[in-house]
Amino acid sequence: MGVIAVWKCDRDGAMFSNKKDAEEHDKMLELAANISSLLEEHITGLSETHSEEIGLLLARRRESLAKACKGKPEALMEEAVDNSSTDNVTPLNASA
């Protein structure tokens, strides 16, 4: 029987076939958590669920958001070309 190396993300338990993808996913989740905290701090009445969803959306689209902030607002409306942050996610198998 062969051994398969996998990397597990600390924040959500997602598993990846390589360390680079796992670290990138973890950084994206950290950014999303920080955005969520910022939103909850400054917008009264915003639910935790909504702030988390907004945080994840903005973290996943960070490249488009950066372009928009640098003078290309149409970048936010373009479809996300790179979905690699979610394509390599392997659900954690609790029965393993």
PDB file of N, CA and C in Angstrom:
ATOM      1  N   MET A   1       0.847  -1.164   0.000  1.00  0.00           N
ATOM      2  CA  MET A   1       0.000   0.000   0.000  1.00  0.00           C
ATOM      3  C   MET A   1       0.897   1.234   0.000  1.00  0.00           C
ATOM      4  N   GLY A   2       0.578   2.206  -0.844  1.00  0.00           N
ATOM      5  CA  GLY A   2       1.358   3.433  -0.939  1.00  0.00           C
ATOM      6  C   GLY A   2       0.916   4.464   0.084  1.00  0.00           C
ATOM      7  N   VAL A   3       1.769   5.417   0.308  1.00  0.00           N
ATOM      8  CA  VAL A   3       1.486   6.520   1.220  1.00  0.00           C
ATOM      9  C   VAL A   3       1.289   7.778   0.391  1.00  0.00           C
ATOM     10  N   ILE A   4       0.240   8.491   0.692  1.00  0.00           N
ATOM     11  CA  ILE A   4      -0.050   9.731  -0.017  1.00  0.00           C
ATOM     12  C   ILE A   4       0.070  10.880   0.976  1.00  0.00           C
ATOM     13  N   ALA A   5       0.941  11.834   0.669  1.00  0.00           N
ATOM     14  CA  ALA A   5       1.109  13.000   1.528  1.00  0.00           C
ATOM     15  C   ALA A   5      -0.001  13.999   1.231  1.00  0.00           C
ATOM     16  N   VAL A   6      -0.613  14.513   2.294  1.00  0.00           N
ATOM     17  CA  VAL A   6      -1.618  15.559   2.165  1.00  0.00           C
ATOM     18  C   VAL A   6      -1.349  16.622   3.221  1.00  0.00           C
ATOM     19  N   TRP A   7      -1.773  17.836   2.934  1.00  0.00           N
ATOM     20  CA  TRP A   7      -1.628  18.934   3.865  1.00  0.00           C
ATOM     21  C   TRP A   7      -3.026  19.386   4.260  1.00  0.00           C
ATOM     22  N   LYS A   8      -3.191  19.565   5.557  1.00  0.00           N
ATOM     23  CA  LYS A   8      -4.485  19.942   6.110  1.00  0.00           C
ATOM     24  C   LYS A   8      -4.446  21.404   6.553  1.00  0.00           C
ATOM     25  N   CYS A   9      -5.428  22.152   6.139  1.00  0.00           N
ATOM     26  CA  CYS A   9      -5.553  23.550   6.530  1.00  0.00           C
ATOM     27  C   CYS A   9      -6.036  23.615   7.977  1.00  0.00           C
ATOM     28  N   ASP A  10      -5.352  24.391   8.794  1.00  0.00           N
ATOM     29  CA  ASP A  10      -5.694  24.503  10.209  1.00  0.00           C
ATOM     30  C   ASP A  10      -7.075  25.110  10.443  1.00  0.00           C
ATOM     31  N   ARG A  11      -7.466  26.036   9.616  1.00  0.00           N
ATOM     32  CA  ARG A  11      -8.682  26.809   9.876  1.00  0.00           C
ATOM     33  C   ARG A  11      -9.977  26.076   9.564  1.00  0.00           C
ATOM     34  N   ASP A  12     -10.008  25.293   8.482  1.00  0.00           N
ATOM     35  CA  ASP A  12     -11.275  24.655   8.116  1.00  0.00           C
ATOM     36  C   ASP A  12     -11.170  23.157   7.844  1.00  0.00           C
ATOM     37  N   GLY A  13      -9.997  22.597   8.004  1.00  0.00           N
ATOM     38  CA  GLY A  13      -9.842  21.159   7.824  1.00  0.00           C
ATOM     39  C   GLY A  13      -9.745  20.704   6.383  1.00  0.00           C
ATOM     40  N   ALA A  14      -9.749  21.649   5.424  1.00  0.00           N
ATOM     41  CA  ALA A  14      -9.612  21.275   4.014  1.00  0.00           C
ATOM     42  C   ALA A  14      -8.247  20.638   3.801  1.00  0.00           C
ATOM     43  N   MET A  15      -8.199  19.660   2.900  1.00  0.00           N
ATOM     44  CA  MET A  15      -6.950  18.953   2.660  1.00  0.00           C
ATOM     45  C   MET A  15      -6.495  19.181   1.222  1.00  0.00           C
ATOM     46  N   PHE A  16      -5.170  19.256   1.041  1.00  0.00           N
ATOM     47  CA  PHE A  16      -4.578  19.569  -0.250  1.00  0.00           C
ATOM     48  C   PHE A  16      -3.476  18.581  -0.575  1.00  0.00           C
ATOM     49  N   SER A  17      -3.218  18.442  -1.864  1.00  0.00           N
ATOM     50  CA  SER A  17      -2.181  17.514  -2.303  1.00  0.00           C
ATOM     51  C   SER A  17      -0.793  18.139  -2.275  1.00  0.00           C
ATOM     52  N   ASN A  18      -0.716  19.480  -2.084  1.00  0.00           N
ATOM     53  CA  ASN A  18       0.609  20.094  -1.946  1.00  0.00           C
ATOM     54  C   ASN A  18       0.572  21.240  -0.937  1.00  0.00           C
ATOM     55  N   LYS A  19       1.721  21.486  -0.364  1.00  0.00           N
ATOM     56  CA  LYS A  19       1.845  22.463   0.722  1.00  0.00           C
ATOM     57  C   LYS A  19       1.533  23.886   0.263  1.00  0.00           C
ATOM     58  N   LYS A  20       1.956  24.256  -0.933  1.00  0.00           N
ATOM     59  CA  LYS A  20       1.735  25.611  -1.438  1.00  0.00           C
ATOM     60  C   LYS A  20       0.243  25.944  -1.496  1.00  0.00           C
ATOM     61  N   ASP A  21      -0.561  25.036  -2.035  1.00  0.00           N
ATOM     62  CA  ASP A  21      -2.006  25.265  -2.123  1.00  0.00           C
ATOM     63  C   ASP A  21      -2.639  25.344  -0.735  1.00  0.00           C
ATOM     64  N   ALA A  22      -2.168  24.513   0.185  1.00  0.00           N
ATOM     65  CA  ALA A  22      -2.703  24.532   1.550  1.00  0.00           C
ATOM     66  C   ALA A  22      -2.394  25.858   2.233  1.00  0.00           C
ATOM     67  N   GLU A  23      -1.176  26.355   2.068  1.00  0.00           N
ATOM     68  CA  GLU A  23      -0.800  27.624   2.686  1.00  0.00           C
ATOM     69  C   GLU A  23      -1.562  28.790   2.061  1.00  0.00           C
ATOM     70  N   GLU A  24      -1.755  28.759   0.749  1.00  0.00           N
ATOM     71  CA  GLU A  24      -2.513  29.806   0.068  1.00  0.00           C
ATOM     72  C   GLU A  24      -3.966  29.828   0.557  1.00  0.00           C
ATOM     73  N   HIS A  25      -4.555  28.662   0.703  1.00  0.00           N
ATOM     74  CA  HIS A  25      -5.932  28.560   1.202  1.00  0.00           C
ATOM     75  C   HIS A  25      -6.020  29.087   2.631  1.00  0.00           C
ATOM     76  N   ASP A  26      -5.052  28.740   3.451  1.00  0.00           N
ATOM     77  CA  ASP A  26      -5.039  29.197   4.841  1.00  0.00           C
ATOM     78  C   ASP A  26      -4.907  30.724   4.913  1.00  0.00           C
ATOM     79  N   LYS A  27      -4.066  31.301   4.061  1.00  0.00           N
ATOM     80  CA  LYS A  27      -3.913  32.759   4.027  1.00  0.00           C
ATOM     81  C   LYS A  27      -5.210  33.428   3.581  1.00  0.00           C
ATOM     82  N   MET A  28      -5.892  32.830   2.602  1.00  0.00           N
ATOM     83  CA  MET A  28      -7.159  33.377   2.136  1.00  0.00           C
ATOM     84  C   MET A  28      -8.190  33.367   3.271  1.00  0.00           C
ATOM     85  N   LEU A  29      -8.231  32.266   4.036  1.00  0.00           N
ATOM     86  CA  LEU A  29      -9.176  32.183   5.148  1.00  0.00           C
ATOM     87  C   LEU A  29      -8.830  33.179   6.258  1.00  0.00           C
ATOM     88  N   GLU A  30      -7.540  33.424   6.474  1.00  0.00           N
ATOM     89  CA  GLU A  30      -7.125  34.404   7.475  1.00  0.00           C
ATOM     90  C   GLU A  30      -7.555  35.802   7.050  1.00  0.00           C
ATOM     91  N   LEU A  31      -7.366  36.124   5.776  1.00  0.00           N
ATOM     92  CA  LEU A  31      -7.815  37.413   5.251  1.00  0.00           C
ATOM     93  C   LEU A  31      -9.324  37.551   5.399  1.00  0.00           C
ATOM     94  N   ALA A  32     -10.063  36.510   5.062  1.00  0.00           N
ATOM     95  CA  ALA A  32     -11.528  36.536   5.184  1.00  0.00           C
ATOM     96  C   ALA A  32     -11.950  36.773   6.629  1.00  0.00           C
ATOM     97  N   ALA A  33     -11.276  36.129   7.575  1.00  0.00           N
ATOM     98  CA  ALA A  33     -11.603  36.307   8.997  1.00  0.00           C
ATOM     99  C   ALA A  33     -11.331  37.740   9.439  1.00  0.00           C
ATOM    100  N   ASN A  34     -10.235  38.322   8.967  1.00  0.00           N
ATOM    101  CA  ASN A  34      -9.912  39.703   9.328  1.00  0.00           C
ATOM    102  C   ASN A  34     -10.894  40.693   8.716  1.00  0.00           C
ATOM    103  N   ILE A  35     -11.293  40.452   7.475  1.00  0.00           N
ATOM    104  CA  ILE A  35     -12.304  41.306   6.840  1.00  0.00           C
ATOM    105  C   ILE A  35     -13.618  41.202   7.602  1.00  0.00           C
ATOM    106  N   SER A  36     -13.999  39.990   7.975  1.00  0.00           N
ATOM    107  CA  SER A  36     -15.244  39.783   8.728  1.00  0.00           C
ATOM    108  C   SER A  36     -15.219  40.538  10.045  1.00  0.00           C
ATOM    109  N   SER A  37     -14.103  40.469  10.751  1.00  0.00           N
ATOM    110  CA  SER A  37     -13.967  41.185  12.029  1.00  0.00           C
ATOM    111  C   SER A  37     -14.072  42.689  11.831  1.00  0.00           C
ATOM    112  N   LEU A  38     -13.431  43.192  10.772  1.00  0.00           N
ATOM    113  CA  LEU A  38     -13.494  44.613  10.467  1.00  0.00           C
ATOM    114  C   LEU A  38     -14.928  45.051  10.196  1.00  0.00           C
ATOM    115  N   LEU A  39     -15.648  44.270   9.410  1.00  0.00           N
ATOM    116  CA  LEU A  39     -17.046  44.598   9.092  1.00  0.00           C
ATOM    117  C   LEU A  39     -17.912  44.602  10.343  1.00  0.00           C
ATOM    118  N   GLU A  40     -17.761  43.576  11.186  1.00  0.00           N
ATOM    119  CA  GLU A  40     -18.565  43.488  12.402  1.00  0.00           C
ATOM    120  C   GLU A  40     -18.271  44.631  13.360  1.00  0.00           C
ATOM    121  N   GLU A  41     -17.022  45.108  13.348  1.00  0.00           N
ATOM    122  CA  GLU A  41     -16.611  46.200  14.219  1.00  0.00           C
ATOM    123  C   GLU A  41     -17.216  47.531  13.792  1.00  0.00           C
ATOM    124  N   HIS A  42     -17.367  47.725  12.481  1.00  0.00           N
ATOM    125  CA  HIS A  42     -17.769  49.032  11.970  1.00  0.00           C
ATOM    126  C   HIS A  42     -19.196  49.115  11.444  1.00  0.00           C
ATOM    127  N   ILE A  43     -19.874  47.989  11.293  1.00  0.00           N
ATOM    128  CA  ILE A  43     -21.250  48.026  10.785  1.00  0.00           C
ATOM    129  C   ILE A  43     -22.165  47.387  11.828  1.00  0.00           C
ATOM    130  N   THR A  44     -22.918  48.222  12.506  1.00  0.00           N
ATOM    131  CA  THR A  44     -23.825  47.702  13.521  1.00  0.00           C
ATOM    132  C   THR A  44     -24.990  46.976  12.865  1.00  0.00           C
ATOM    133  N   GLY A  45     -25.391  45.888  13.472  1.00  0.00           N
ATOM    134  CA  GLY A  45     -26.523  45.121  12.980  1.00  0.00           C
ATOM    135  C   GLY A  45     -26.170  44.072  11.946  1.00  0.00           C
ATOM    136  N   LEU A  46     -24.922  44.016  11.508  1.00  0.00           N
ATOM    137  CA  LEU A  46     -24.506  43.020  10.534  1.00  0.00           C
ATOM    138  C   LEU A  46     -24.326  41.683  11.239  1.00  0.00           C
ATOM    139  N   SER A  47     -24.995  40.664  10.727  1.00  0.00           N
ATOM    140  CA  SER A  47     -24.900  39.358  11.374  1.00  0.00           C
ATOM    141  C   SER A  47     -23.530  38.735  11.129  1.00  0.00           C
ATOM    142  N   GLU A  48     -23.147  37.841  12.010  1.00  0.00           N
ATOM    143  CA  GLU A  48     -21.872  37.146  11.882  1.00  0.00           C
ATOM    144  C   GLU A  48     -21.826  36.331  10.589  1.00  0.00           C
ATOM    145  N   THR A  49     -22.943  35.704  10.262  1.00  0.00           N
ATOM    146  CA  THR A  49     -23.025  34.905   9.032  1.00  0.00           C
ATOM    147  C   THR A  49     -22.781  35.762   7.803  1.00  0.00           C
ATOM    148  N   HIS A  50     -23.445  36.916   7.745  1.00  0.00           N
ATOM    149  CA  HIS A  50     -23.272  37.795   6.591  1.00  0.00           C
ATOM    150  C   HIS A  50     -21.860  38.358   6.524  1.00  0.00           C
ATOM    151  N   SER A  51     -21.303  38.728   7.667  1.00  0.00           N
ATOM    152  CA  SER A  51     -19.946  39.273   7.636  1.00  0.00           C
ATOM    153  C   SER A  51     -18.942  38.211   7.187  1.00  0.00           C
ATOM    154  N   GLU A  52     -19.160  36.958   7.577  1.00  0.00           N
ATOM    155  CA  GLU A  52     -18.278  35.874   7.140  1.00  0.00           C
ATOM    156  C   GLU A  52     -18.400  35.634   5.638  1.00  0.00           C
ATOM    157  N   GLU A  53     -19.637  35.676   5.117  1.00  0.00           N
ATOM    158  CA  GLU A  53     -19.846  35.482   3.679  1.00  0.00           C
ATOM    159  C   GLU A  53     -19.192  36.600   2.879  1.00  0.00           C
ATOM    160  N   ILE A  54     -19.329  37.838   3.351  1.00  0.00           N
ATOM    161  CA  ILE A  54     -18.714  38.977   2.675  1.00  0.00           C
ATOM    162  C   ILE A  54     -17.192  38.864   2.758  1.00  0.00           C
ATOM    163  N   GLY A  55     -16.691  38.493   3.914  1.00  0.00           N
ATOM    164  CA  GLY A  55     -15.245  38.327   4.081  1.00  0.00           C
ATOM    165  C   GLY A  55     -14.672  37.290   3.136  1.00  0.00           C
ATOM    166  N   LEU A  56     -15.350  36.149   3.019  1.00  0.00           N
ATOM    167  CA  LEU A  56     -14.892  35.104   2.096  1.00  0.00           C
ATOM    168  C   LEU A  56     -14.949  35.572   0.641  1.00  0.00           C
ATOM    169  N   LEU A  57     -16.026  36.251   0.274  1.00  0.00           N
ATOM    170  CA  LEU A  57     -16.156  36.765  -1.089  1.00  0.00           C
ATOM    171  C   LEU A  57     -15.015  37.712  -1.431  1.00  0.00           C
ATOM    172  N   LEU A  58     -14.750  38.666  -0.553  1.00  0.00           N
ATOM    173  CA  LEU A  58     -13.697  39.644  -0.821  1.00  0.00           C
ATOM    174  C   LEU A  58     -12.314  39.001  -0.804  1.00  0.00           C
ATOM    175  N   ALA A  59     -12.101  38.044   0.085  1.00  0.00           N
ATOM    176  CA  ALA A  59     -10.801  37.363   0.136  1.00  0.00           C
ATOM    177  C   ALA A  59     -10.574  36.535  -1.121  1.00  0.00           C
ATOM    178  N   ARG A  60     -11.613  35.871  -1.604  1.00  0.00           N
ATOM    179  CA  ARG A  60     -11.482  35.065  -2.824  1.00  0.00           C
ATOM    180  C   ARG A  60     -11.245  35.946  -4.053  1.00  0.00           C
ATOM    181  N   ARG A  61     -11.777  37.138  -4.029  1.00  0.00           N
ATOM    182  CA  ARG A  61     -11.660  38.059  -5.171  1.00  0.00           C
ATOM    183  C   ARG A  61     -10.631  39.154  -4.911  1.00  0.00           C
ATOM    184  N   ARG A  62      -9.651  38.898  -4.045  1.00  0.00           N
ATOM    185  CA  ARG A  62      -8.698  39.929  -3.636  1.00  0.00           C
ATOM    186  C   ARG A  62      -7.922  40.532  -4.808  1.00  0.00           C
ATOM    187  N   GLU A  63      -7.585  39.735  -5.823  1.00  0.00           N
ATOM    188  CA  GLU A  63      -6.853  40.278  -6.961  1.00  0.00           C
ATOM    189  C   GLU A  63      -7.714  41.279  -7.717  1.00  0.00           C
ATOM    190  N   SER A  64      -8.979  40.942  -7.950  1.00  0.00           N
ATOM    191  CA  SER A  64      -9.894  41.855  -8.636  1.00  0.00           C
ATOM    192  C   SER A  64     -10.126  43.113  -7.809  1.00  0.00           C
ATOM    193  N   LEU A  65     -10.241  42.945  -6.507  1.00  0.00           N
ATOM    194  CA  LEU A  65     -10.450  44.078  -5.612  1.00  0.00           C
ATOM    195  C   LEU A  65      -9.235  45.010  -5.634  1.00  0.00           C
ATOM    196  N   ALA A  66      -8.040  44.436  -5.652  1.00  0.00           N
ATOM    197  CA  ALA A  66      -6.822  45.251  -5.715  1.00  0.00           C
ATOM    198  C   ALA A  66      -6.767  46.047  -7.014  1.00  0.00           C
ATOM    199  N   LYS A  67      -7.125  45.415  -8.137  1.00  0.00           N
ATOM    200  CA  LYS A  67      -7.152  46.110  -9.422  1.00  0.00           C
ATOM    201  C   LYS A  67      -8.172  47.244  -9.390  1.00  0.00           C
ATOM    202  N   ALA A  68      -9.326  46.989  -8.807  1.00  0.00           N
ATOM    203  CA  ALA A  68     -10.374  48.005  -8.724  1.00  0.00           C
ATOM    204  C   ALA A  68      -9.907  49.196  -7.898  1.00  0.00           C
ATOM    205  N   CYS A  69      -9.192  48.938  -6.821  1.00  0.00           N
ATOM    206  CA  CYS A  69      -8.682  50.015  -5.967  1.00  0.00           C
ATOM    207  C   CYS A  69      -7.592  50.821  -6.668  1.00  0.00           C
ATOM    208  N   LYS A  70      -6.945  50.223  -7.651  1.00  0.00           N
ATOM    209  CA  LYS A  70      -5.878  50.901  -8.385  1.00  0.00           C
ATOM    210  C   LYS A  70      -6.396  51.597  -9.642  1.00  0.00           C
ATOM    211  N   GLY A  71      -7.717  51.762  -9.770  1.00  0.00           N
ATOM    212  CA  GLY A  71      -8.258  52.534 -10.871  1.00  0.00           C
ATOM    213  C   GLY A  71      -8.965  51.752 -11.955  1.00  0.00           C
ATOM    214  N   LYS A  72      -9.194  50.454 -11.746  1.00  0.00           N
ATOM    215  CA  LYS A  72      -9.918  49.655 -12.731  1.00  0.00           C
ATOM    216  C   LYS A  72     -11.163  49.053 -12.075  1.00  0.00           C
ATOM    217  N   PRO A  73     -12.174  49.860 -11.792  1.00  0.00           N
ATOM    218  CA  PRO A  73     -13.354  49.361 -11.079  1.00  0.00           C
ATOM    219  C   PRO A  73     -14.084  48.240 -11.811  1.00  0.00           C
ATOM    220  N   GLU A  74     -13.941  48.188 -13.140  1.00  0.00           N
ATOM    221  CA  GLU A  74     -14.605  47.129 -13.903  1.00  0.00           C
ATOM    222  C   GLU A  74     -14.040  45.751 -13.577  1.00  0.00           C
ATOM    223  N   ALA A  75     -12.872  45.687 -12.966  1.00  0.00           N
ATOM    224  CA  ALA A  75     -12.257  44.406 -12.616  1.00  0.00           C
ATOM    225  C   ALA A  75     -13.126  43.615 -11.641  1.00  0.00           C
ATOM    226  N   LEU A  76     -13.898  44.316 -10.816  1.00  0.00           N
ATOM    227  CA  LEU A  76     -14.773  43.623  -9.859  1.00  0.00           C
ATOM    228  C   LEU A  76     -15.900  42.875 -10.545  1.00  0.00           C
ATOM    229  N   MET A  77     -16.297  43.324 -11.724  1.00  0.00           N
ATOM    230  CA  MET A  77     -17.419  42.707 -12.405  1.00  0.00           C
ATOM    231  C   MET A  77     -17.004  41.568 -13.331  1.00  0.00           C
ATOM    232  N   GLU A  78     -15.703  41.406 -13.560  1.00  0.00           N
ATOM    233  CA  GLU A  78     -15.218  40.331 -14.410  1.00  0.00           C
ATOM    234  C   GLU A  78     -15.327  39.014 -13.659  1.00  0.00           C
ATOM    235  N   GLU A  79     -15.596  37.961 -14.392  1.00  0.00           N
ATOM    236  CA  GLU A  79     -15.676  36.636 -13.779  1.00  0.00           C
ATOM    237  C   GLU A  79     -14.324  36.246 -13.217  1.00  0.00           C
ATOM    238  N   ALA A  80     -14.340  35.547 -12.115  1.00  0.00           N
ATOM    239  CA  ALA A  80     -13.093  35.060 -11.531  1.00  0.00           C
ATOM    240  C   ALA A  80     -12.522  33.987 -12.447  1.00  0.00           C
ATOM    241  N   VAL A  81     -11.363  34.262 -13.025  1.00  0.00           N
ATOM    242  CA  VAL A  81     -10.728  33.328 -13.941  1.00  0.00           C
ATOM    243  C   VAL A  81     -10.021  32.224 -13.170  1.00  0.00           C
ATOM    244  N   ASP A  82      -9.398  32.577 -12.048  1.00  0.00           N
ATOM    245  CA  ASP A  82      -8.604  31.616 -11.286  1.00  0.00           C
ATOM    246  C   ASP A  82      -9.399  31.126 -10.084  1.00  0.00           C
ATOM    247  N   ASN A  83      -9.906  29.901 -10.169  1.00  0.00           N
ATOM    248  CA  ASN A  83     -10.627  29.295  -9.052  1.00  0.00           C
ATOM    249  C   ASN A  83      -9.769  28.271  -8.341  1.00  0.00           C
ATOM    250  N   SER A  84      -8.455  28.386  -8.480  1.00  0.00           N
ATOM    251  CA  SER A  84      -7.553  27.363  -7.945  1.00  0.00           C
ATOM    252  C   SER A  84      -7.633  27.232  -6.432  1.00  0.00           C
ATOM    253  N   SER A  85      -8.060  28.291  -5.732  1.00  0.00           N
ATOM    254  CA  SER A  85      -8.116  28.204  -4.278  1.00  0.00           C
ATOM    255  C   SER A  85      -9.169  27.215  -3.790  1.00  0.00           C
ATOM    256  N   THR A  86     -10.174  26.926  -4.620  1.00  0.00           N
ATOM    257  CA  THR A  86     -11.190  25.965  -4.205  1.00  0.00           C
ATOM    258  C   THR A  86     -11.149  24.672  -4.998  1.00  0.00           C
ATOM    259  N   ASP A  87     -10.464  24.672  -6.152  1.00  0.00           N
ATOM    260  CA  ASP A  87     -10.419  23.472  -6.974  1.00  0.00           C
ATOM    261  C   ASP A  87      -9.640  22.336  -6.335  1.00  0.00           C
ATOM    262  N   ASN A  88      -8.646  22.645  -5.538  1.00  0.00           N
ATOM    263  CA  ASN A  88      -7.775  21.628  -4.976  1.00  0.00           C
ATOM    264  C   ASN A  88      -8.185  21.202  -3.571  1.00  0.00           C
ATOM    265  N   VAL A  89      -9.334  21.647  -3.110  1.00  0.00           N
ATOM    266  CA  VAL A  89      -9.782  21.315  -1.765  1.00  0.00           C
ATOM    267  C   VAL A  89     -10.343  19.905  -1.747  1.00  0.00           C
ATOM    268  N   THR A  90      -9.889  19.121  -0.792  1.00  0.00           N
ATOM    269  CA  THR A  90     -10.405  17.791  -0.576  1.00  0.00           C
ATOM    270  C   THR A  90     -11.130  17.789   0.752  1.00  0.00           C
ATOM    271  N   PRO A  91     -12.425  17.430   0.793  1.00  0.00           N
ATOM    272  CA  PRO A  91     -13.145  17.448   2.053  1.00  0.00           C
ATOM    273  C   PRO A  91     -12.491  16.501   3.079  1.00  0.00           C
ATOM    274  N   LEU A  92     -12.501  16.941   4.306  1.00  0.00           N
ATOM    275  CA  LEU A  92     -11.956  16.124   5.382  1.00  0.00           C
ATOM    276  C   LEU A  92     -12.863  14.930   5.625  1.00  0.00           C
ATOM    277  N   ASN A  93     -12.304  13.764   5.617  1.00  0.00           N
ATOM    278  CA  ASN A  93     -13.065  12.546   5.821  1.00  0.00           C
ATOM    279  C   ASN A  93     -12.973  12.152   7.295  1.00  0.00           C
ATOM    280  N   ALA A  94     -14.013  12.396   8.046  1.00  0.00           N
ATOM    281  CA  ALA A  94     -14.009  12.161   9.489  1.00  0.00           C
ATOM    282  C   ALA A  94     -13.921  10.668   9.832  1.00  0.00           C
ATOM    283  N   SER A  95     -14.296   9.819   8.916  1.00  0.00           N
ATOM    284  CA  SER A  95     -14.288   8.391   9.221  1.00  0.00           C
ATOM    285  C   SER A  95     -12.917   7.747   9.003  1.00  0.00           C
ATOM    286  N   ALA A  96     -11.972   8.522   8.447  1.00  0.00           N
ATOM    287  CA  ALA A  96     -10.635   7.952   8.174  1.00  0.00           C
ATOM    288  C   ALA A  96      -9.814   7.807   9.432  1.00  0.00           C
TER     289      ALA A  96
END
